[in-house]
Amino acid sequence: MPKLQEIHQAFKGIGLTGAYAIPWLDYKHVLVHLSNEQDFNRIWIKQQWFIVNKKMRVFKWSPDFEAEKESAIVPVWIFFPNLKAHLYEKLALLLIAKTMGKPLFIDKATTNGSRPSVARVYVEYDCKKASVNQVWIVVKDWVIGAVIRGYTQWVEFSKMLKYCDHCCHVGHSVSNYLVLGNRPAKQGKPIGNKPLKDDGRES
């Protein structure tokens, strides 16, 4: 863990646009207070920062924060391939993305329409959940105020981080453990008390 002075010095070189404060939270965590969304996204989406050659991982703070349990909320790109042109409008796109998680921002190519084959939005996502591969979009007739049809829009995720419910850390899953809990007993050997010796006599 870098010293607090080293962390402050490193942040001066990042070039944040707003005011910020970095107090200690506990012996291995600092709490970064940021004053605007742009700075927040810049710090969070990188996920890992190296300060004096020491890796610092970034997690979103919440009121139920526990030092030994990492948050499962991670930033991730979601893709909407072959999205209809009128849904590239910002409010419409954010509304669709909101069904996945809290939208953070839309990428520049999507905003300026230079890549019509796919729309990309950065969202907060709970990596404990399985990634969704489709959403249902309805078409509404605003004259009669009724839904007249609907269709499936495919969704793709960038590489999703895994969450381990055993150690409460982001980056791997429970399946990565070779053994969880007690080691299985070897075949033919009972668990617990030693077996009674068979002296050949009938009872």
N, C-alpha and C. Protein backbone atom coordinates (compact mmCIF):
# COMPACT_ATOMS: atom_id res chain seq x y z
N MET A 1 0.85 -1.19 0.00
CA MET A 1 0.00 0.00 0.00
C MET A 1 0.89 1.25 0.00
N PRO A 2 0.71 2.15 -0.97
CA PRO A 2 1.49 3.38 -0.97
C PRO A 2 1.16 4.25 0.24
N LYS A 3 2.06 5.13 0.58
CA LYS A 3 1.79 6.09 1.64
C LYS A 3 0.77 7.11 1.13
N LEU A 4 0.01 7.69 2.05
CA LEU A 4 -1.02 8.65 1.65
C LEU A 4 -0.40 9.83 0.90
N GLN A 5 0.76 10.26 1.32
CA GLN A 5 1.44 11.36 0.64
C GLN A 5 1.77 10.99 -0.81
N GLU A 6 2.16 9.74 -1.03
CA GLU A 6 2.46 9.28 -2.39
C GLU A 6 1.21 9.23 -3.25
N ILE A 7 0.09 8.85 -2.65
CA ILE A 7 -1.18 8.82 -3.38
C ILE A 7 -1.59 10.23 -3.78
N HIS A 8 -1.48 11.17 -2.85
CA HIS A 8 -1.81 12.57 -3.15
C HIS A 8 -0.93 13.10 -4.28
N GLN A 9 0.34 12.79 -4.24
CA GLN A 9 1.27 13.25 -5.26
C GLN A 9 0.92 12.68 -6.62
N ALA A 10 0.54 11.41 -6.65
CA ALA A 10 0.17 10.76 -7.91
C ALA A 10 -1.09 11.38 -8.50
N PHE A 11 -2.05 11.71 -7.66
CA PHE A 11 -3.31 12.29 -8.14
C PHE A 11 -3.10 13.68 -8.72
N LYS A 12 -2.09 14.39 -8.27
CA LYS A 12 -1.81 15.71 -8.84
C LYS A 12 -1.43 15.60 -10.31
N GLY A 13 -0.85 14.47 -10.69
CA GLY A 13 -0.43 14.29 -12.08
C GLY A 13 -1.50 13.71 -12.99
N ILE A 14 -2.64 13.33 -12.44
CA ILE A 14 -3.71 12.74 -13.25
C ILE A 14 -4.43 13.80 -14.07
N GLY A 15 -4.54 15.00 -13.52
CA GLY A 15 -5.21 16.08 -14.23
C GLY A 15 -6.71 16.08 -14.08
N LEU A 16 -7.20 15.84 -12.87
CA LEU A 16 -8.64 15.88 -12.62
C LEU A 16 -9.15 17.31 -12.77
N THR A 17 -10.39 17.44 -13.21
CA THR A 17 -10.94 18.77 -13.49
C THR A 17 -11.59 19.42 -12.28
N GLY A 18 -12.01 18.63 -11.31
CA GLY A 18 -12.70 19.18 -10.14
C GLY A 18 -11.92 18.97 -8.86
N ALA A 19 -12.50 19.46 -7.78
CA ALA A 19 -11.88 19.29 -6.47
C ALA A 19 -12.02 17.84 -6.01
N TYR A 20 -11.10 17.41 -5.18
CA TYR A 20 -11.17 16.05 -4.65
C TYR A 20 -10.48 15.99 -3.29
N ALA A 21 -10.80 14.94 -2.54
CA ALA A 21 -10.17 14.71 -1.24
C ALA A 21 -9.91 13.22 -1.11
N ILE A 22 -8.81 12.85 -0.44
CA ILE A 22 -8.44 11.44 -0.31
C ILE A 22 -8.04 11.14 1.13
N PRO A 23 -9.00 10.85 1.99
CA PRO A 23 -8.66 10.47 3.37
C PRO A 23 -8.47 8.95 3.48
N TRP A 24 -7.84 8.51 4.55
CA TRP A 24 -7.76 7.08 4.85
C TRP A 24 -9.15 6.55 5.20
N LEU A 25 -9.45 5.33 4.76
CA LEU A 25 -10.68 4.66 5.16
C LEU A 25 -10.36 3.59 6.20
N ASP A 26 -9.34 2.80 5.94
CA ASP A 26 -8.79 1.86 6.91
C ASP A 26 -7.35 1.58 6.52
N TYR A 27 -6.75 0.57 7.11
CA TYR A 27 -5.32 0.35 6.92
C TYR A 27 -4.93 0.00 5.48
N LYS A 28 -5.89 -0.44 4.66
CA LYS A 28 -5.54 -0.77 3.28
C LYS A 28 -6.50 -0.18 2.25
N HIS A 29 -7.29 0.80 2.67
CA HIS A 29 -8.20 1.47 1.75
C HIS A 29 -8.15 2.98 1.95
N VAL A 30 -8.25 3.71 0.84
CA VAL A 30 -8.48 5.15 0.91
C VAL A 30 -9.83 5.43 0.26
N LEU A 31 -10.45 6.51 0.65
CA LEU A 31 -11.74 6.90 0.10
C LEU A 31 -11.53 8.15 -0.76
N VAL A 32 -11.79 8.03 -2.05
CA VAL A 32 -11.56 9.14 -2.97
C VAL A 32 -12.87 9.89 -3.18
N HIS A 33 -12.94 11.12 -2.67
CA HIS A 33 -14.11 11.97 -2.86
C HIS A 33 -13.90 12.80 -4.12
N LEU A 34 -14.78 12.67 -5.09
CA LEU A 34 -14.68 13.42 -6.34
C LEU A 34 -15.89 14.33 -6.49
N SER A 35 -15.69 15.46 -7.15
CA SER A 35 -16.75 16.47 -7.19
C SER A 35 -17.53 16.50 -8.50
N ASN A 36 -17.14 15.68 -9.48
CA ASN A 36 -17.92 15.66 -10.71
C ASN A 36 -17.89 14.27 -11.36
N GLU A 37 -18.86 14.04 -12.22
CA GLU A 37 -19.04 12.73 -12.84
C GLU A 37 -17.90 12.38 -13.79
N GLN A 38 -17.37 13.37 -14.48
CA GLN A 38 -16.29 13.13 -15.43
C GLN A 38 -15.06 12.55 -14.73
N ASP A 39 -14.69 13.13 -13.60
CA ASP A 39 -13.54 12.62 -12.85
C ASP A 39 -13.82 11.23 -12.28
N PHE A 40 -15.06 11.05 -11.81
CA PHE A 40 -15.44 9.74 -11.27
C PHE A 40 -15.27 8.64 -12.31
N ASN A 41 -15.81 8.88 -13.52
CA ASN A 41 -15.70 7.88 -14.58
C ASN A 41 -14.25 7.62 -14.96
N ARG A 42 -13.46 8.67 -15.00
CA ARG A 42 -12.06 8.52 -15.38
C ARG A 42 -11.29 7.64 -14.40
N ILE A 43 -11.54 7.84 -13.11
CA ILE A 43 -10.85 7.05 -12.10
C ILE A 43 -11.38 5.63 -12.05
N TRP A 44 -12.69 5.47 -12.13
CA TRP A 44 -13.29 4.16 -11.90
C TRP A 44 -13.09 3.19 -13.07
N ILE A 45 -13.28 3.68 -14.30
CA ILE A 45 -13.27 2.76 -15.44
C ILE A 45 -11.90 2.15 -15.68
N LYS A 46 -10.85 2.78 -15.19
CA LYS A 46 -9.52 2.21 -15.37
C LYS A 46 -9.32 0.99 -14.47
N GLN A 47 -10.03 0.94 -13.35
CA GLN A 47 -10.05 -0.22 -12.44
C GLN A 47 -8.76 -0.45 -11.67
N GLN A 48 -7.62 -0.23 -12.30
CA GLN A 48 -6.34 -0.44 -11.62
C GLN A 48 -5.41 0.75 -11.88
N TRP A 49 -4.81 1.23 -10.81
CA TRP A 49 -3.83 2.31 -10.91
C TRP A 49 -2.54 1.87 -10.23
N PHE A 50 -1.42 2.24 -10.80
CA PHE A 50 -0.13 1.91 -10.20
C PHE A 50 0.50 3.18 -9.64
N ILE A 51 0.73 3.18 -8.35
CA ILE A 51 1.33 4.31 -7.65
C ILE A 51 2.60 3.81 -6.97
N VAL A 52 3.73 4.42 -7.30
CA VAL A 52 5.06 3.98 -6.86
C VAL A 52 5.19 2.46 -7.02
N ASN A 53 4.80 2.00 -8.21
CA ASN A 53 4.91 0.58 -8.59
C ASN A 53 4.07 -0.36 -7.73
N LYS A 54 3.06 0.18 -7.09
CA LYS A 54 2.15 -0.64 -6.30
C LYS A 54 0.75 -0.54 -6.89
N LYS A 55 0.14 -1.71 -7.09
CA LYS A 55 -1.19 -1.72 -7.72
C LYS A 55 -2.27 -1.34 -6.73
N MET A 56 -3.12 -0.41 -7.15
CA MET A 56 -4.30 -0.04 -6.36
C MET A 56 -5.53 -0.30 -7.21
N ARG A 57 -6.44 -1.08 -6.68
CA ARG A 57 -7.68 -1.41 -7.39
C ARG A 57 -8.78 -0.46 -6.94
N VAL A 58 -9.67 -0.14 -7.89
CA VAL A 58 -10.71 0.85 -7.64
C VAL A 58 -12.07 0.16 -7.58
N PHE A 59 -12.83 0.45 -6.54
CA PHE A 59 -14.19 -0.06 -6.39
C PHE A 59 -15.11 1.10 -6.05
N LYS A 60 -16.36 0.96 -6.44
CA LYS A 60 -17.33 2.00 -6.12
C LYS A 60 -17.78 1.84 -4.67
N TRP A 61 -17.70 2.91 -3.93
CA TRP A 61 -18.09 2.87 -2.52
C TRP A 61 -19.61 2.85 -2.40
N SER A 62 -20.11 2.20 -1.36
CA SER A 62 -21.53 2.20 -1.03
C SER A 62 -21.66 2.19 0.49
N PRO A 63 -22.82 2.58 1.03
CA PRO A 63 -22.99 2.62 2.49
C PRO A 63 -22.78 1.28 3.18
N ASP A 64 -22.95 0.17 2.46
CA ASP A 64 -22.76 -1.15 3.07
C ASP A 64 -21.36 -1.70 2.83
N PHE A 65 -20.41 -0.82 2.54
CA PHE A 65 -19.02 -1.23 2.29
C PHE A 65 -18.46 -2.01 3.47
N GLU A 66 -17.80 -3.13 3.16
CA GLU A 66 -17.07 -3.92 4.15
C GLU A 66 -15.65 -4.13 3.63
N ALA A 67 -14.68 -3.87 4.49
CA ALA A 67 -13.28 -3.88 4.06
C ALA A 67 -12.86 -5.20 3.43
N GLU A 68 -13.38 -6.31 3.91
CA GLU A 68 -12.95 -7.62 3.43
C GLU A 68 -13.82 -8.17 2.30
N LYS A 69 -14.82 -7.39 1.87
CA LYS A 69 -15.70 -7.85 0.80
C LYS A 69 -15.70 -6.82 -0.33
N GLU A 70 -15.22 -7.23 -1.48
CA GLU A 70 -15.18 -6.32 -2.62
C GLU A 70 -16.56 -6.18 -3.25
N SER A 71 -16.86 -4.99 -3.73
CA SER A 71 -18.13 -4.74 -4.39
C SER A 71 -18.21 -5.51 -5.70
N ALA A 72 -19.40 -6.05 -5.98
CA ALA A 72 -19.61 -6.79 -7.23
C ALA A 72 -20.01 -5.86 -8.37
N ILE A 73 -20.17 -4.57 -8.08
CA ILE A 73 -20.56 -3.60 -9.11
C ILE A 73 -19.31 -3.17 -9.88
N VAL A 74 -19.31 -3.44 -11.18
CA VAL A 74 -18.14 -3.13 -12.01
C VAL A 74 -18.60 -2.36 -13.25
N PRO A 75 -17.71 -1.55 -13.84
CA PRO A 75 -18.04 -0.88 -15.10
C PRO A 75 -17.74 -1.80 -16.27
N VAL A 76 -18.61 -1.81 -17.26
CA VAL A 76 -18.42 -2.72 -18.40
C VAL A 76 -19.08 -2.11 -19.65
N TRP A 77 -18.48 -2.36 -20.80
CA TRP A 77 -19.08 -1.95 -22.06
C TRP A 77 -20.16 -2.94 -22.46
N ILE A 78 -21.30 -2.41 -22.92
CA ILE A 78 -22.32 -3.25 -23.54
C ILE A 78 -22.52 -2.77 -24.98
N PHE A 79 -22.79 -3.72 -25.86
CA PHE A 79 -22.90 -3.44 -27.29
C PHE A 79 -24.31 -3.79 -27.78
N PHE A 80 -24.85 -2.94 -28.63
CA PHE A 80 -26.14 -3.20 -29.26
C PHE A 80 -25.91 -3.27 -30.77
N PRO A 81 -25.65 -4.48 -31.32
CA PRO A 81 -25.38 -4.60 -32.75
C PRO A 81 -26.64 -4.35 -33.59
N ASN A 82 -26.43 -3.67 -34.72
CA ASN A 82 -27.52 -3.40 -35.68
C ASN A 82 -28.71 -2.71 -35.03
N LEU A 83 -28.43 -1.81 -34.13
CA LEU A 83 -29.50 -1.04 -33.49
C LEU A 83 -30.14 -0.12 -34.52
N LYS A 84 -31.45 0.01 -34.48
CA LYS A 84 -32.16 0.87 -35.43
C LYS A 84 -31.70 2.32 -35.26
N ALA A 85 -31.63 3.03 -36.37
CA ALA A 85 -31.02 4.36 -36.41
C ALA A 85 -31.65 5.34 -35.42
N HIS A 86 -32.97 5.31 -35.29
CA HIS A 86 -33.62 6.30 -34.42
C HIS A 86 -33.32 6.05 -32.94
N LEU A 87 -32.84 4.84 -32.60
CA LEU A 87 -32.54 4.53 -31.21
C LEU A 87 -31.12 4.96 -30.81
N TYR A 88 -30.37 5.53 -31.75
CA TYR A 88 -29.07 6.11 -31.42
C TYR A 88 -29.24 7.45 -30.70
N GLU A 89 -30.43 7.98 -30.73
CA GLU A 89 -30.70 9.22 -29.99
C GLU A 89 -30.40 8.99 -28.51
N LYS A 90 -29.73 9.93 -27.88
CA LYS A 90 -29.16 9.71 -26.54
C LYS A 90 -30.17 9.21 -25.52
N LEU A 91 -31.31 9.87 -25.41
CA LEU A 91 -32.28 9.48 -24.39
C LEU A 91 -32.81 8.07 -24.63
N ALA A 92 -33.05 7.73 -25.90
CA ALA A 92 -33.55 6.39 -26.23
C ALA A 92 -32.50 5.34 -25.90
N LEU A 93 -31.25 5.61 -26.25
CA LEU A 93 -30.18 4.65 -26.03
C LEU A 93 -29.93 4.43 -24.54
N LEU A 94 -29.95 5.51 -23.77
CA LEU A 94 -29.74 5.38 -22.33
C LEU A 94 -30.89 4.63 -21.67
N LEU A 95 -32.09 4.81 -22.19
CA LEU A 95 -33.25 4.10 -21.66
C LEU A 95 -33.10 2.59 -21.88
N ILE A 96 -32.60 2.20 -23.04
CA ILE A 96 -32.37 0.78 -23.32
C ILE A 96 -31.25 0.24 -22.43
N ALA A 97 -30.17 1.00 -22.34
CA ALA A 97 -29.02 0.57 -21.53
C ALA A 97 -29.38 0.44 -20.06
N LYS A 98 -30.34 1.23 -19.61
CA LYS A 98 -30.74 1.22 -18.21
C LYS A 98 -31.32 -0.12 -17.80
N THR A 99 -31.80 -0.90 -18.76
CA THR A 99 -32.32 -2.23 -18.43
C THR A 99 -31.18 -3.18 -18.04
N MET A 100 -29.93 -2.83 -18.36
CA MET A 100 -28.76 -3.63 -18.01
C MET A 100 -28.17 -3.20 -16.66
N GLY A 101 -28.10 -1.89 -16.48
CA GLY A 101 -27.50 -1.32 -15.28
C GLY A 101 -27.49 0.19 -15.41
N LYS A 102 -26.88 0.88 -14.48
CA LYS A 102 -26.84 2.34 -14.53
C LYS A 102 -25.90 2.80 -15.65
N PRO A 103 -26.40 3.54 -16.66
CA PRO A 103 -25.53 4.01 -17.73
C PRO A 103 -24.54 5.07 -17.21
N LEU A 104 -23.30 4.98 -17.67
CA LEU A 104 -22.27 5.95 -17.31
C LEU A 104 -22.04 6.94 -18.44
N PHE A 105 -21.79 6.43 -19.64
CA PHE A 105 -21.64 7.32 -20.80
C PHE A 105 -21.70 6.50 -22.08
N ILE A 106 -21.89 7.20 -23.18
CA ILE A 106 -21.93 6.60 -24.52
C ILE A 106 -20.60 6.90 -25.21
N ASP A 107 -20.08 5.96 -25.97
CA ASP A 107 -18.79 6.22 -26.62
C ASP A 107 -18.94 7.21 -27.77
N LYS A 108 -17.82 7.83 -28.17
CA LYS A 108 -17.85 8.91 -29.15
C LYS A 108 -18.34 8.45 -30.51
N ALA A 109 -17.93 7.25 -30.93
CA ALA A 109 -18.34 6.76 -32.24
C ALA A 109 -19.85 6.57 -32.32
N THR A 110 -20.45 6.20 -31.20
CA THR A 110 -21.91 6.06 -31.15
C THR A 110 -22.57 7.43 -31.17
N THR A 111 -22.01 8.36 -30.41
CA THR A 111 -22.58 9.71 -30.33
C THR A 111 -22.54 10.43 -31.66
N ASN A 112 -21.41 10.35 -32.37
CA ASN A 112 -21.31 11.08 -33.64
C ASN A 112 -21.75 10.27 -34.85
N GLY A 113 -22.19 9.03 -34.64
CA GLY A 113 -22.74 8.22 -35.72
C GLY A 113 -21.72 7.69 -36.71
N SER A 114 -20.45 7.64 -36.32
CA SER A 114 -19.41 7.18 -37.25
C SER A 114 -19.30 5.66 -37.33
N ARG A 115 -20.02 4.94 -36.47
CA ARG A 115 -20.00 3.48 -36.50
C ARG A 115 -21.44 2.98 -36.38
N PRO A 116 -22.19 2.96 -37.48
CA PRO A 116 -23.61 2.60 -37.43
C PRO A 116 -23.88 1.13 -37.19
N SER A 117 -22.86 0.29 -37.22
CA SER A 117 -23.09 -1.15 -37.08
C SER A 117 -23.37 -1.57 -35.64
N VAL A 118 -22.91 -0.79 -34.67
CA VAL A 118 -23.09 -1.15 -33.27
C VAL A 118 -23.05 0.09 -32.39
N ALA A 119 -23.90 0.12 -31.38
CA ALA A 119 -23.89 1.19 -30.39
C ALA A 119 -23.25 0.66 -29.12
N ARG A 120 -22.45 1.51 -28.46
CA ARG A 120 -21.76 1.07 -27.23
C ARG A 120 -22.09 2.04 -26.09
N VAL A 121 -22.38 1.45 -24.94
CA VAL A 121 -22.66 2.24 -23.74
C VAL A 121 -21.90 1.62 -22.57
N TYR A 122 -21.31 2.46 -21.75
CA TYR A 122 -20.61 1.99 -20.55
C TYR A 122 -21.59 2.03 -19.39
N VAL A 123 -21.74 0.92 -18.68
CA VAL A 123 -22.73 0.84 -17.61
C VAL A 123 -22.11 0.23 -16.35
N GLU A 124 -22.77 0.48 -15.23
CA GLU A 124 -22.47 -0.24 -14.00
C GLU A 124 -23.23 -1.57 -14.06
N TYR A 125 -22.54 -2.65 -13.73
CA TYR A 125 -23.19 -3.96 -13.81
C TYR A 125 -22.78 -4.82 -12.63
N ASP A 126 -23.73 -5.58 -12.12
CA ASP A 126 -23.46 -6.50 -11.02
C ASP A 126 -22.87 -7.79 -11.60
N CYS A 127 -21.57 -8.01 -11.39
CA CYS A 127 -20.93 -9.17 -12.02
C CYS A 127 -21.30 -10.49 -11.36
N LYS A 128 -22.14 -10.45 -10.32
CA LYS A 128 -22.68 -11.69 -9.77
C LYS A 128 -23.76 -12.26 -10.69
N LYS A 129 -24.34 -11.38 -11.50
CA LYS A 129 -25.43 -11.79 -12.39
C LYS A 129 -24.87 -12.28 -13.73
N ALA A 130 -25.59 -13.19 -14.34
CA ALA A 130 -25.23 -13.62 -15.69
C ALA A 130 -25.50 -12.48 -16.66
N SER A 131 -24.66 -12.33 -17.66
CA SER A 131 -24.86 -11.25 -18.63
C SER A 131 -26.09 -11.55 -19.50
N VAL A 132 -26.84 -10.51 -19.78
CA VAL A 132 -28.06 -10.63 -20.59
C VAL A 132 -27.68 -10.58 -22.06
N ASN A 133 -28.32 -11.38 -22.90
CA ASN A 133 -27.96 -11.37 -24.32
C ASN A 133 -29.02 -10.76 -25.22
N GLN A 134 -30.14 -10.32 -24.64
CA GLN A 134 -31.16 -9.67 -25.45
C GLN A 134 -32.11 -8.86 -24.58
N VAL A 135 -32.72 -7.85 -25.21
CA VAL A 135 -33.76 -7.07 -24.56
C VAL A 135 -34.95 -6.99 -25.52
N TRP A 136 -36.11 -6.79 -24.96
CA TRP A 136 -37.33 -6.69 -25.77
C TRP A 136 -37.70 -5.22 -25.91
N ILE A 137 -37.77 -4.74 -27.14
CA ILE A 137 -38.10 -3.35 -27.41
C ILE A 137 -39.51 -3.28 -27.98
N VAL A 138 -40.33 -2.43 -27.41
CA VAL A 138 -41.70 -2.29 -27.88
C VAL A 138 -41.85 -1.01 -28.71
N VAL A 139 -42.76 -1.08 -29.66
CA VAL A 139 -43.08 0.08 -30.50
C VAL A 139 -44.48 0.54 -30.13
N LYS A 140 -44.57 1.82 -29.77
CA LYS A 140 -45.84 2.35 -29.29
C LYS A 140 -46.41 3.37 -30.27
N ASP A 141 -47.70 3.28 -30.49
CA ASP A 141 -48.41 4.28 -31.29
C ASP A 141 -48.84 5.39 -30.35
N TRP A 142 -48.21 6.56 -30.49
CA TRP A 142 -48.48 7.65 -29.54
C TRP A 142 -49.84 8.30 -29.76
N VAL A 143 -50.45 8.05 -30.91
CA VAL A 143 -51.78 8.61 -31.17
C VAL A 143 -52.84 7.88 -30.35
N ILE A 144 -52.77 6.54 -30.39
CA ILE A 144 -53.76 5.76 -29.65
C ILE A 144 -53.24 5.36 -28.26
N GLY A 145 -51.94 5.60 -28.03
CA GLY A 145 -51.36 5.31 -26.71
C GLY A 145 -51.25 3.84 -26.39
N ALA A 146 -51.01 3.01 -27.41
CA ALA A 146 -50.93 1.57 -27.18
C ALA A 146 -49.70 0.98 -27.87
N VAL A 147 -49.22 -0.12 -27.32
CA VAL A 147 -48.11 -0.85 -27.93
C VAL A 147 -48.64 -1.64 -29.12
N ILE A 148 -48.01 -1.46 -30.27
CA ILE A 148 -48.53 -2.13 -31.46
C ILE A 148 -47.66 -3.32 -31.90
N ARG A 149 -46.41 -3.34 -31.47
CA ARG A 149 -45.56 -4.49 -31.78
C ARG A 149 -44.28 -4.41 -30.94
N GLY A 150 -43.46 -5.44 -31.05
CA GLY A 150 -42.19 -5.46 -30.34
C GLY A 150 -41.20 -6.35 -31.06
N TYR A 151 -39.94 -6.25 -30.68
CA TYR A 151 -38.91 -7.07 -31.31
C TYR A 151 -37.72 -7.24 -30.37
N THR A 152 -36.90 -8.23 -30.67
CA THR A 152 -35.73 -8.53 -29.85
C THR A 152 -34.52 -7.74 -30.33
N GLN A 153 -33.84 -7.09 -29.39
CA GLN A 153 -32.57 -6.43 -29.68
C GLN A 153 -31.46 -7.21 -28.99
N TRP A 154 -30.48 -7.66 -29.76
CA TRP A 154 -29.39 -8.44 -29.19
C TRP A 154 -28.42 -7.55 -28.44
N VAL A 155 -27.86 -8.11 -27.38
CA VAL A 155 -26.93 -7.38 -26.52
C VAL A 155 -25.66 -8.21 -26.35
N GLU A 156 -24.51 -7.55 -26.40
CA GLU A 156 -23.24 -8.22 -26.16
C GLU A 156 -22.47 -7.46 -25.08
N PHE A 157 -21.70 -8.20 -24.29
CA PHE A 157 -20.89 -7.60 -23.23
C PHE A 157 -19.41 -7.73 -23.56
N SER A 158 -18.64 -6.74 -23.17
CA SER A 158 -17.19 -6.92 -23.21
C SER A 158 -16.83 -7.92 -22.12
N LYS A 159 -15.57 -8.29 -22.03
CA LYS A 159 -15.16 -9.32 -21.08
C LYS A 159 -15.65 -8.98 -19.68
N MET A 160 -16.43 -9.90 -19.12
CA MET A 160 -17.03 -9.67 -17.80
C MET A 160 -16.16 -10.26 -16.70
N LEU A 161 -15.88 -9.46 -15.69
CA LEU A 161 -15.15 -9.96 -14.53
C LEU A 161 -16.03 -10.93 -13.75
N LYS A 162 -15.41 -11.94 -13.16
CA LYS A 162 -16.13 -12.90 -12.35
C LYS A 162 -16.06 -12.50 -10.88
N TYR A 163 -17.02 -13.00 -10.10
CA TYR A 163 -17.05 -12.69 -8.67
C TYR A 163 -17.06 -13.99 -7.89
N CYS A 164 -16.22 -14.05 -6.88
CA CYS A 164 -16.14 -15.25 -6.05
C CYS A 164 -16.96 -15.06 -4.77
N ASP A 165 -18.01 -15.84 -4.61
CA ASP A 165 -18.84 -15.75 -3.41
C ASP A 165 -18.16 -16.37 -2.20
N HIS A 166 -17.08 -17.10 -2.43
CA HIS A 166 -16.37 -17.73 -1.31
C HIS A 166 -15.47 -16.72 -0.58
N CYS A 167 -14.66 -16.00 -1.35
CA CYS A 167 -13.75 -15.03 -0.72
C CYS A 167 -14.21 -13.59 -0.92
N CYS A 168 -15.32 -13.39 -1.66
CA CYS A 168 -15.90 -12.06 -1.89
C CYS A 168 -14.92 -11.12 -2.58
N HIS A 169 -14.29 -11.63 -3.63
CA HIS A 169 -13.36 -10.83 -4.41
C HIS A 169 -13.73 -10.89 -5.89
N VAL A 170 -13.43 -9.80 -6.59
CA VAL A 170 -13.65 -9.72 -8.03
C VAL A 170 -12.41 -10.25 -8.76
N GLY A 171 -12.63 -11.00 -9.84
CA GLY A 171 -11.51 -11.45 -10.66
C GLY A 171 -11.47 -12.94 -10.90
N HIS A 172 -12.20 -13.71 -10.10
CA HIS A 172 -12.27 -15.15 -10.31
C HIS A 172 -13.59 -15.65 -9.72
N SER A 173 -13.93 -16.89 -10.02
CA SER A 173 -15.17 -17.47 -9.51
C SER A 173 -14.85 -18.62 -8.56
N VAL A 174 -15.88 -19.11 -7.90
CA VAL A 174 -15.71 -20.24 -6.97
C VAL A 174 -15.12 -21.44 -7.69
N SER A 175 -15.45 -21.62 -8.96
CA SER A 175 -14.96 -22.78 -9.70
C SER A 175 -13.44 -22.79 -9.87
N ASN A 176 -12.80 -21.65 -9.61
CA ASN A 176 -11.34 -21.60 -9.71
C ASN A 176 -10.65 -22.27 -8.53
N TYR A 177 -11.40 -22.54 -7.48
CA TYR A 177 -10.81 -23.19 -6.32
C TYR A 177 -10.73 -24.70 -6.56
N LEU A 178 -9.63 -25.30 -6.22
CA LEU A 178 -9.51 -26.76 -6.34
C LEU A 178 -10.30 -27.45 -5.24
N VAL A 179 -10.27 -26.88 -4.04
CA VAL A 179 -10.96 -27.47 -2.91
C VAL A 179 -11.64 -26.37 -2.13
N LEU A 180 -12.90 -26.56 -1.83
CA LEU A 180 -13.64 -25.65 -0.95
C LEU A 180 -14.14 -26.46 0.22
N GLY A 181 -13.90 -26.00 1.42
CA GLY A 181 -14.36 -26.74 2.58
C GLY A 181 -13.41 -27.86 2.92
N ASN A 182 -13.94 -28.95 3.45
CA ASN A 182 -13.10 -30.07 3.86
C ASN A 182 -12.63 -30.88 2.66
N ARG A 183 -11.44 -31.41 2.76
CA ARG A 183 -10.93 -32.28 1.72
C ARG A 183 -11.74 -33.58 1.69
N PRO A 184 -12.18 -34.01 0.51
CA PRO A 184 -12.97 -35.26 0.44
C PRO A 184 -12.19 -36.43 1.00
N ALA A 185 -12.90 -37.32 1.67
CA ALA A 185 -12.24 -38.51 2.24
C ALA A 185 -11.83 -39.45 1.12
N LYS A 186 -10.70 -40.11 1.31
CA LYS A 186 -10.26 -41.08 0.32
C LYS A 186 -11.19 -42.28 0.34
N GLN A 187 -11.38 -42.86 -0.84
CA GLN A 187 -12.30 -44.00 -0.96
C GLN A 187 -11.82 -45.17 -0.10
N GLY A 188 -12.75 -45.77 0.65
CA GLY A 188 -12.42 -46.92 1.48
C GLY A 188 -11.99 -46.57 2.88
N LYS A 189 -11.83 -45.24 3.17
CA LYS A 189 -11.44 -44.84 4.51
C LYS A 189 -12.56 -44.02 5.12
N PRO A 190 -13.13 -44.48 6.23
CA PRO A 190 -14.25 -43.77 6.85
C PRO A 190 -13.80 -42.46 7.46
N ILE A 191 -14.77 -41.53 7.59
CA ILE A 191 -14.52 -40.23 8.21
C ILE A 191 -14.90 -40.30 9.67
N GLY A 192 -14.09 -39.70 10.53
CA GLY A 192 -14.45 -39.63 11.94
C GLY A 192 -13.67 -40.62 12.76
N ASN A 193 -14.34 -41.37 13.63
CA ASN A 193 -13.65 -42.31 14.51
C ASN A 193 -13.01 -43.45 13.74
N LYS A 194 -11.94 -44.00 14.30
CA LYS A 194 -11.28 -45.13 13.67
C LYS A 194 -12.21 -46.33 13.65
N PRO A 195 -12.18 -47.14 12.59
CA PRO A 195 -13.07 -48.31 12.53
C PRO A 195 -12.63 -49.37 13.54
N LEU A 196 -13.59 -50.14 14.00
CA LEU A 196 -13.28 -51.24 14.91
C LEU A 196 -12.53 -52.32 14.15
N LYS A 197 -11.56 -52.90 14.78
CA LYS A 197 -10.81 -53.97 14.15
C LYS A 197 -11.65 -55.24 14.08
N ASP A 198 -11.56 -55.91 12.97
CA ASP A 198 -12.26 -57.19 12.80
C ASP A 198 -11.31 -58.31 13.21
N ASP A 199 -11.61 -58.96 14.36
CA ASP A 199 -10.71 -60.02 14.83
C ASP A 199 -11.15 -61.41 14.36
N GLY A 200 -12.14 -61.41 13.46
CA GLY A 200 -12.56 -62.69 12.89
C GLY A 200 -13.63 -63.39 13.68
N ARG A 201 -13.99 -62.88 14.85
CA ARG A 201 -15.02 -63.54 15.66
C ARG A 201 -16.39 -63.00 15.31
N GLU A 202 -17.38 -63.88 15.34
CA GLU A 202 -18.75 -63.46 15.07
C GLU A 202 -19.34 -62.89 16.34
N SER A 203 -20.20 -61.92 16.19
CA SER A 203 -20.86 -61.33 17.35
C SER A 203 -22.16 -62.05 17.64
